[in-house]
Structures are given as C-alpha cells and as structure tokens.
Amino acid sequence: MDNIKEIEKKHISVLLNELVEAIEIKNDKKNIIVDATLGMWWHASKIIEKMNTWDTFIWFDADIKNLDLARIRLEEINKNKKVNLYLINSNFWNLKEELEKIWIKEITWIYYDLWLSSLHLDEADRWFSFMLNGPLDMRLDKTRWRTAADIVNSYKDSELRDIFLKYWEEPQSNKIAKNIVELRRKKRFETTSDLSEIITWWPKAKSRIFQAIRIEVNWELEMLEKSLKDSIELLKKDWTVFVISFHSLEDRITKNIFRDETRDCICDDIICSCGHKKSLKVLSKKPILPTDEEIKMNSRSRSAKARVAKKII
C-alpha cells in the first residue's frame, strides 16, 4: 500500500473535477459505468465514491501492471460502498466483446482518458520515455507481438517517414527516417537510448518521434475509432460518453464521430441512401479545457481536451 501511495503522489489525473461532476448517478436506476482506459485510478476512485451499492463499475486496461495496482486501491475504496467491480485486462478495442462475456449489453456511462499514466512516462521498464533508458518496446498490451524495436528495425525509410508525418507532422521526418535506416545497418536498435541518441541533432523532435512510434505500435487511432463507435451503440438512451484526448488526431476522431452521430444522413447522395439516424446530442459545442490553475499544477494537462455527448435514441 505504501508503494501505491507513492505512485498516487506522482500522478495527477487531468480534468478530474470536470469528469466527476459530469457523471450523474441515478438513485432509482442501476448505473453501469465503464472506465475504458483505467491507467491510474484517480478518476475511477472518485466515481466509485459517488455510486450506489447495487451499481456496476467496469474498468479496462491492456497493461496488467496497472490493473494489479488499481485492483488493490479500488477494492480498498469499495469496501464500504460494495459496488460490483469488474476488472478486464484488455484493450478497449475489445470493449463490446468483453462486456458480452459478463452479460452486459447496455451501459449508462463510459469515459476515455487517452493519455499515458505517470507509470508509463516515469519508469524506465515501461518503455515509453526517451528520458530514461529501457527496452524499445512501447506495447501497452504485452501480449501483442509487434514492438517499437520491430518497427524501427524493419520499416522502410518511406514507411517511417509516413508515420512521423501522419501522427505528428514532424518537419524532420525524412531526415530522421533515413538516418534510422542508415544506422541500423551497423547495429540493431534495442533500447530507448539507442533511438534517442540518433535524434540528438533534432532535440525538439524527440517527443514527437517517440509518440508517433508508440501510436503505430498500439494502433491507437484505429482502436479509438472502433471502440468509440461500439460504446455509442452500447449506451442507453439519455446516458453519456466522455472523452479526454491529448493529441489532435484523437480529438479529431472523437469530434468527427460525434458530428456524424448528430446527423440523420452521412452520405453524399442527393437523396439519402445511407439510412443513418442521429443518435447523439453533443453537450458542449467547444471542447472542455483544463483551467489555468490545473495547467500550473500539472503541465502535462496543457494539451488536454474533453468532449461529451448524450445518447438520444
């Protein structure tokens, strides 16, 4: 427990108050709330405190280490509440399939917090940061076969350039990609330091390159799109989806899906042939942003945006 308390001190959840205040717990109905990206457990712990004894809280995380730590903390918090807890070691890509396994076909609230936790950023053996030396892995789900090392050591320079441009519009993409391909002929890239050292000439690019590779390793954008569409389908009428993103492409996916689900037609035909029916009402025209005070307390919150929508059918 002491170790968990130390971890909690290092991690500050972004838009915590905004998310917790947005969640409406109904006393005359069973609340079924899904945390699609548990990570650290601050959001989850505050939400469980609001819930009723007969409610259900489900959390997903592809990282088993996060789940094992969170299980201890959340079960401690839940001792008196006695909310039904389900811990699912899976990426939110499998949201619908995993919920079916526990006989849940409808949910009343779901939220996504798409940033990495401090565990991933601050511990070398979590493989994500160029600040610390560790294996060049970057998998959130260790059961997946493809690592960052596989990508860096096997992608053609054109493929590397494309992911650097696609995910971060990195201006030095072509030079960095060619440099990686040239140097790997001499030595395979095995650690985060191996990769970090060859980007030394472009220090501002380091963070962008590491994040682009992480997104590619974990198929993060494709998974978000599938999961978000599934979650909207699972939501009961008058209940809500809340998405906190930190990357412009994640926010764009969320914005576009929400936009499409507020329309009766999403095809380009003069006479509609798609049969699509609007299912959502967006609750905030502009994204919810962290306050100046929160940004001062936690600089990592600076790029956060939250979008929220309610199911209407």
Protein backbone atom coordinates (compact mmCIF):
# COMPACT_ATOMS: atom_id res chain seq x y z
CA MET A 1 0.00 0.00 0.00
CA ASP A 2 2.92 2.36 0.70
CA ASN A 3 4.12 1.81 -2.86
CA ILE A 4 0.67 2.67 -4.19
CA LYS A 5 0.54 5.88 -2.15
CA GLU A 6 3.89 6.92 -3.59
CA ILE A 7 2.59 6.28 -7.10
CA GLU A 8 -0.52 8.34 -6.38
CA LYS A 9 1.62 11.29 -5.34
CA LYS A 10 3.39 11.26 -8.72
CA HIS A 11 0.24 11.08 -10.85
CA ILE A 12 -2.27 13.90 -11.30
CA SER A 13 -5.37 12.99 -13.28
CA VAL A 14 -6.36 15.56 -15.88
CA LEU A 15 -9.82 17.20 -15.87
CA LEU A 16 -10.68 15.16 -12.79
CA ASN A 17 -13.27 17.56 -11.37
CA GLU A 18 -14.90 18.16 -14.76
CA LEU A 19 -15.34 14.44 -15.37
CA VAL A 20 -16.55 13.51 -11.89
CA GLU A 21 -19.01 16.41 -11.77
CA ALA A 22 -20.39 15.47 -15.19
CA ILE A 23 -21.31 11.95 -14.08
CA GLU A 24 -24.91 11.82 -12.94
CA ILE A 25 -25.69 8.91 -10.62
CA LYS A 26 -29.38 7.99 -10.65
CA ASN A 27 -30.75 6.54 -7.43
CA ASP A 28 -33.81 4.90 -8.97
CA LYS A 29 -31.89 3.00 -11.68
CA LYS A 30 -28.87 0.75 -11.90
CA ASN A 31 -25.81 2.69 -13.02
CA ILE A 32 -23.33 0.76 -15.18
CA ILE A 33 -20.19 2.84 -15.66
CA VAL A 34 -17.22 1.87 -17.83
CA ASP A 35 -13.70 3.25 -17.48
CA ALA A 36 -12.25 2.36 -20.89
CA THR A 37 -8.69 3.41 -20.05
CA LEU A 38 -8.08 2.87 -16.37
CA GLY A 39 -4.40 3.78 -16.25
CA MET A 40 -4.09 5.33 -12.83
CA TRP A 41 -7.21 5.12 -10.70
CA TRP A 42 -7.97 8.69 -9.63
CA HIS A 43 -10.96 9.10 -11.93
CA ALA A 44 -12.24 5.63 -11.01
CA SER A 45 -11.86 6.09 -7.26
CA LYS A 46 -13.76 9.38 -7.22
CA ILE A 47 -16.55 7.94 -9.36
CA ILE A 48 -16.94 4.82 -7.20
CA GLU A 49 -17.39 7.09 -4.19
CA LYS A 50 -20.47 8.58 -5.91
CA MET A 51 -22.05 5.25 -6.88
CA ASN A 52 -24.71 3.17 -5.14
CA THR A 53 -24.24 -0.30 -3.68
CA TRP A 54 -26.22 -2.01 -6.46
CA ASP A 55 -24.33 -0.26 -9.26
CA THR A 56 -21.65 -1.77 -11.53
CA PHE A 57 -18.25 -0.32 -12.33
CA ILE A 58 -16.12 -1.88 -15.09
CA TRP A 59 -12.60 -0.91 -15.96
CA PHE A 60 -10.41 -1.82 -18.92
CA ASP A 61 -6.65 -1.69 -19.16
CA ALA A 62 -4.34 -3.53 -21.56
CA ASP A 63 -1.46 -3.11 -19.09
CA ILE A 64 -1.65 -5.86 -16.46
CA LYS A 65 0.68 -3.98 -14.10
CA ASN A 66 -1.72 -1.04 -14.00
CA LEU A 67 -4.63 -3.37 -13.32
CA ASP A 68 -2.89 -5.20 -10.49
CA LEU A 69 -2.06 -1.93 -8.74
CA ALA A 70 -5.51 -0.46 -9.34
CA ARG A 71 -7.25 -3.58 -8.07
CA ILE A 72 -5.67 -3.13 -4.63
CA ARG A 73 -6.58 0.54 -4.40
CA LEU A 74 -10.11 0.31 -5.77
CA GLU A 75 -11.05 -2.71 -3.68
CA GLU A 76 -9.90 -0.76 -0.62
CA ILE A 77 -12.07 2.22 -1.64
CA ASN A 78 -15.00 -0.08 -2.40
CA LYS A 79 -15.04 -1.88 0.97
CA ASN A 80 -17.93 0.15 2.30
CA LYS A 81 -19.60 1.03 -0.99
CA LYS A 82 -19.84 -2.57 -2.25
CA VAL A 83 -20.25 -1.57 -5.89
CA ASN A 84 -20.00 -4.53 -8.29
CA LEU A 85 -16.47 -4.28 -9.72
CA TYR A 86 -15.19 -5.93 -12.90
CA LEU A 87 -11.52 -5.74 -13.86
CA ILE A 88 -10.85 -6.53 -17.52
CA ASN A 89 -7.30 -6.96 -18.82
CA SER A 90 -7.96 -5.94 -22.40
CA ASN A 91 -7.60 -3.03 -24.77
CA PHE A 92 -10.80 -1.03 -25.28
CA TRP A 93 -10.71 -2.29 -28.90
CA ASN A 94 -12.44 -5.37 -27.44
CA LEU A 95 -14.98 -3.34 -25.44
CA LYS A 96 -18.14 -4.87 -26.89
CA GLU A 97 -16.84 -8.44 -26.91
CA GLU A 98 -15.53 -8.28 -23.34
CA LEU A 99 -18.76 -6.80 -21.99
CA GLU A 100 -20.74 -9.57 -23.64
CA LYS A 101 -18.65 -12.09 -21.69
CA ILE A 102 -20.04 -10.66 -18.43
CA TRP A 103 -23.57 -10.42 -19.84
CA ILE A 104 -23.64 -6.65 -20.22
CA LYS A 105 -25.34 -5.39 -23.36
CA GLU A 106 -26.09 -1.81 -22.27
CA ILE A 107 -24.16 0.78 -20.26
CA THR A 108 -25.12 4.10 -18.69
CA TRP A 109 -21.80 5.97 -18.74
CA ILE A 110 -18.41 5.49 -20.40
CA TYR A 111 -15.31 7.64 -20.36
CA TYR A 112 -11.90 7.56 -22.03
CA ASP A 113 -8.72 9.17 -20.69
CA LEU A 114 -6.36 8.71 -23.63
CA TRP A 115 -3.09 9.91 -22.11
CA LEU A 116 -0.47 7.60 -20.66
CA SER A 117 -0.23 7.45 -16.89
CA SER A 118 2.81 8.64 -14.98
CA LEU A 119 3.79 4.99 -14.56
CA HIS A 120 4.45 4.76 -18.28
CA LEU A 121 6.30 8.05 -18.50
CA ASP A 122 8.37 7.91 -15.34
CA GLU A 123 9.53 4.28 -15.13
CA ALA A 124 12.23 3.02 -17.50
CA ASP A 125 10.84 -0.51 -17.64
CA ARG A 126 7.57 0.88 -19.02
CA TRP A 127 9.40 1.57 -22.32
CA PHE A 128 7.81 4.89 -23.38
CA SER A 129 10.10 7.75 -22.43
CA PHE A 130 13.27 8.92 -24.15
CA MET A 131 14.30 10.42 -20.81
CA LEU A 132 15.06 7.00 -19.32
CA ASN A 133 16.85 4.02 -20.83
CA GLY A 134 14.82 0.84 -21.26
CA PRO A 135 13.77 -1.75 -23.83
CA LEU A 136 12.50 -0.30 -27.10
CA ASP A 137 9.08 -1.88 -26.62
CA MET A 138 6.21 0.62 -26.15
CA ARG A 139 3.45 -2.00 -26.08
CA LEU A 140 0.59 -1.21 -23.75
CA ASP A 141 -0.55 -4.80 -24.17
CA LYS A 142 2.44 -7.11 -23.75
CA THR A 143 0.61 -9.97 -25.48
CA ARG A 144 0.81 -8.16 -28.82
CA TRP A 145 3.74 -9.30 -30.92
CA ARG A 146 4.94 -6.06 -32.58
CA THR A 147 7.26 -3.81 -30.56
CA ALA A 148 8.78 -0.41 -31.24
CA ALA A 149 12.07 -2.18 -31.97
CA ASP A 150 10.33 -4.24 -34.67
CA ILE A 151 9.08 -1.06 -36.34
CA VAL A 152 12.34 0.87 -36.08
CA ASN A 153 14.40 -2.06 -37.34
CA SER A 154 12.15 -3.28 -40.17
CA TYR A 155 10.13 -0.39 -41.65
CA LYS A 156 11.42 1.15 -44.87
CA ASP A 157 12.54 4.77 -44.62
CA SER A 158 9.41 5.81 -46.54
CA GLU A 159 7.20 3.95 -44.03
CA LEU A 160 8.97 5.54 -41.06
CA ARG A 161 8.68 8.97 -42.67
CA ASP A 162 4.97 8.44 -43.25
CA ILE A 163 4.17 7.61 -39.62
CA PHE A 164 6.23 10.57 -38.37
CA LEU A 165 4.29 12.83 -40.74
CA LYS A 166 0.90 11.21 -40.21
CA TYR A 167 0.91 11.26 -36.43
CA TRP A 168 2.88 14.42 -35.67
CA GLU A 169 3.62 16.27 -38.93
CA GLU A 170 7.26 16.18 -37.90
CA PRO A 171 9.20 18.53 -40.25
CA GLN A 172 12.39 16.46 -39.98
CA SER A 173 10.59 13.19 -40.77
CA ASN A 174 12.51 12.41 -43.96
CA LYS A 175 15.95 13.09 -42.46
CA ILE A 176 15.25 11.15 -39.27
CA ALA A 177 13.83 8.16 -41.18
CA LYS A 178 16.85 7.99 -43.48
CA ASN A 179 19.19 8.30 -40.50
CA ILE A 180 17.49 5.41 -38.69
CA VAL A 181 17.74 3.16 -41.76
CA GLU A 182 21.39 4.03 -42.34
CA LEU A 183 22.47 3.44 -38.72
CA ARG A 184 20.54 0.21 -38.21
CA ARG A 185 22.67 -1.40 -40.92
CA LYS A 186 25.51 -1.24 -38.41
CA LYS A 187 23.63 -2.03 -35.23
CA ARG A 188 20.07 -3.06 -34.36
CA PHE A 189 18.09 -0.61 -32.22
CA GLU A 190 17.34 -2.32 -28.90
CA THR A 191 16.78 0.41 -26.28
CA THR A 192 15.10 3.79 -25.94
CA SER A 193 18.57 5.34 -25.66
CA ASP A 194 19.62 3.78 -28.97
CA LEU A 195 16.78 5.62 -30.68
CA SER A 196 17.06 8.81 -28.65
CA GLU A 197 20.77 9.21 -29.44
CA ILE A 198 20.25 9.36 -33.19
CA ILE A 199 17.66 12.15 -32.86
CA THR A 200 20.09 14.29 -30.85
CA TRP A 201 20.54 16.64 -33.81
CA TRP A 202 16.81 17.44 -33.69
CA PRO A 203 16.07 17.70 -29.95
CA LYS A 204 12.59 19.19 -30.44
CA ALA A 205 11.62 16.15 -32.50
CA LYS A 206 12.35 13.53 -29.83
CA SER A 207 9.00 13.60 -28.10
CA ARG A 208 7.10 13.65 -31.39
CA ILE A 209 9.05 10.72 -32.85
CA PHE A 210 8.62 8.59 -29.72
CA GLN A 211 4.89 9.32 -29.59
CA ALA A 212 4.44 8.57 -33.30
CA ILE A 213 6.09 5.18 -32.88
CA ARG A 214 4.00 4.42 -29.78
CA ILE A 215 0.80 5.25 -31.66
CA GLU A 216 1.86 2.94 -34.51
CA VAL A 217 2.83 0.09 -32.15
CA ASN A 218 -0.52 0.15 -30.36
CA TRP A 219 -2.78 1.03 -33.31
CA GLU A 220 -4.14 3.73 -31.05
CA LEU A 221 -6.18 5.71 -33.57
CA GLU A 222 -7.80 2.69 -35.22
CA MET A 223 -8.65 1.25 -31.81
CA LEU A 224 -10.16 4.50 -30.60
CA GLU A 225 -12.41 4.80 -33.64
CA LYS A 226 -13.75 1.24 -33.29
CA SER A 227 -14.17 1.43 -29.54
CA LEU A 228 -15.92 4.80 -29.58
CA LYS A 229 -18.44 3.61 -32.16
CA ASP A 230 -19.07 0.47 -30.10
CA SER A 231 -19.52 2.47 -26.90
CA ILE A 232 -22.13 4.74 -28.51
CA GLU A 233 -24.02 1.66 -29.66
CA LEU A 234 -23.93 0.23 -26.11
CA LEU A 235 -25.08 3.42 -24.38
CA LYS A 236 -28.66 3.52 -23.13
CA LYS A 237 -30.85 6.47 -24.07
CA ASP A 238 -30.18 9.68 -22.08
CA TRP A 239 -26.73 8.49 -20.95
CA THR A 240 -23.31 9.84 -21.74
CA VAL A 241 -19.88 9.30 -23.29
CA PHE A 242 -16.96 11.48 -22.16
CA VAL A 243 -13.59 11.52 -23.99
CA ILE A 244 -10.39 13.19 -22.77
CA SER A 245 -7.75 13.37 -25.52
CA PHE A 246 -4.25 14.82 -25.68
CA HIS A 247 -3.45 14.51 -29.37
CA SER A 248 -5.06 16.46 -32.21
CA LEU A 249 -5.76 13.28 -34.19
CA GLU A 250 -7.52 11.64 -31.24
CA ASP A 251 -9.61 14.76 -30.75
CA ARG A 252 -10.41 14.87 -34.47
CA ILE A 253 -11.62 11.26 -34.45
CA THR A 254 -13.85 11.98 -31.44
CA LYS A 255 -15.17 15.22 -32.94
CA ASN A 256 -15.94 13.59 -36.30
CA ILE A 257 -17.71 10.58 -34.78
CA PHE A 258 -19.78 12.83 -32.53
CA ARG A 259 -20.58 15.05 -35.54
CA ASP A 260 -21.71 12.09 -37.66
CA GLU A 261 -23.88 10.77 -34.85
CA THR A 262 -25.73 14.09 -34.59
CA ARG A 263 -26.86 13.84 -38.24
CA ASP A 264 -29.66 11.92 -39.91
CA CYS A 265 -27.59 11.44 -43.06
CA ILE A 266 -23.85 10.91 -43.52
CA CYS A 267 -23.77 10.05 -47.23
CA ASP A 268 -23.15 12.48 -50.09
CA ASP A 269 -26.10 11.40 -52.22
CA ILE A 270 -28.69 13.97 -53.30
CA ILE A 271 -31.34 11.60 -51.97
CA CYS A 272 -30.14 9.89 -48.78
CA SER A 273 -29.29 6.21 -49.27
CA CYS A 274 -27.40 5.52 -46.06
CA GLY A 275 -30.37 5.24 -43.71
CA HIS A 276 -28.28 6.65 -40.89
CA LYS A 277 -30.17 8.08 -37.90
CA LYS A 278 -28.70 10.54 -35.44
CA SER A 279 -28.06 9.03 -32.04
CA LEU A 280 -26.19 11.71 -30.09
CA LYS A 281 -26.54 15.23 -28.79
CA VAL A 282 -23.23 16.99 -28.19
CA LEU A 283 -23.37 18.66 -24.77
CA SER A 284 -20.63 21.19 -25.35
CA LYS A 285 -20.05 22.92 -28.71
CA LYS A 286 -16.45 23.61 -27.79
CA PRO A 287 -14.13 21.11 -26.07
CA ILE A 288 -13.72 21.32 -22.31
CA LEU A 289 -10.23 22.57 -21.45
CA PRO A 290 -8.20 22.47 -18.23
CA THR A 291 -8.23 25.63 -16.17
CA ASP A 292 -5.15 27.84 -15.88
CA GLU A 293 -4.83 26.64 -12.30
CA GLU A 294 -4.74 23.00 -13.37
CA ILE A 295 -2.13 23.69 -16.04
CA LYS A 296 0.07 25.38 -13.41
CA MET A 297 -0.24 22.34 -11.16
CA ASN A 298 0.26 19.80 -13.95
CA SER A 299 1.96 20.94 -17.17
CA ARG A 300 1.03 17.62 -18.84
CA SER A 301 -2.61 18.78 -18.84
CA ARG A 302 -1.88 21.64 -21.24
CA SER A 303 -2.88 19.75 -24.39
CA ALA A 304 -5.96 18.06 -22.92
CA LYS A 305 -9.39 18.42 -24.49
CA ALA A 306 -12.61 16.75 -23.43
CA ARG A 307 -15.74 16.18 -25.49
CA VAL A 308 -19.02 14.91 -24.11
CA ALA A 309 -22.20 13.68 -25.79
CA LYS A 310 -25.53 12.14 -24.74
CA LYS A 311 -27.37 9.24 -26.41
CA ILE A 312 -30.80 10.35 -27.63
CA ILE A 313 -32.31 7.17 -29.10
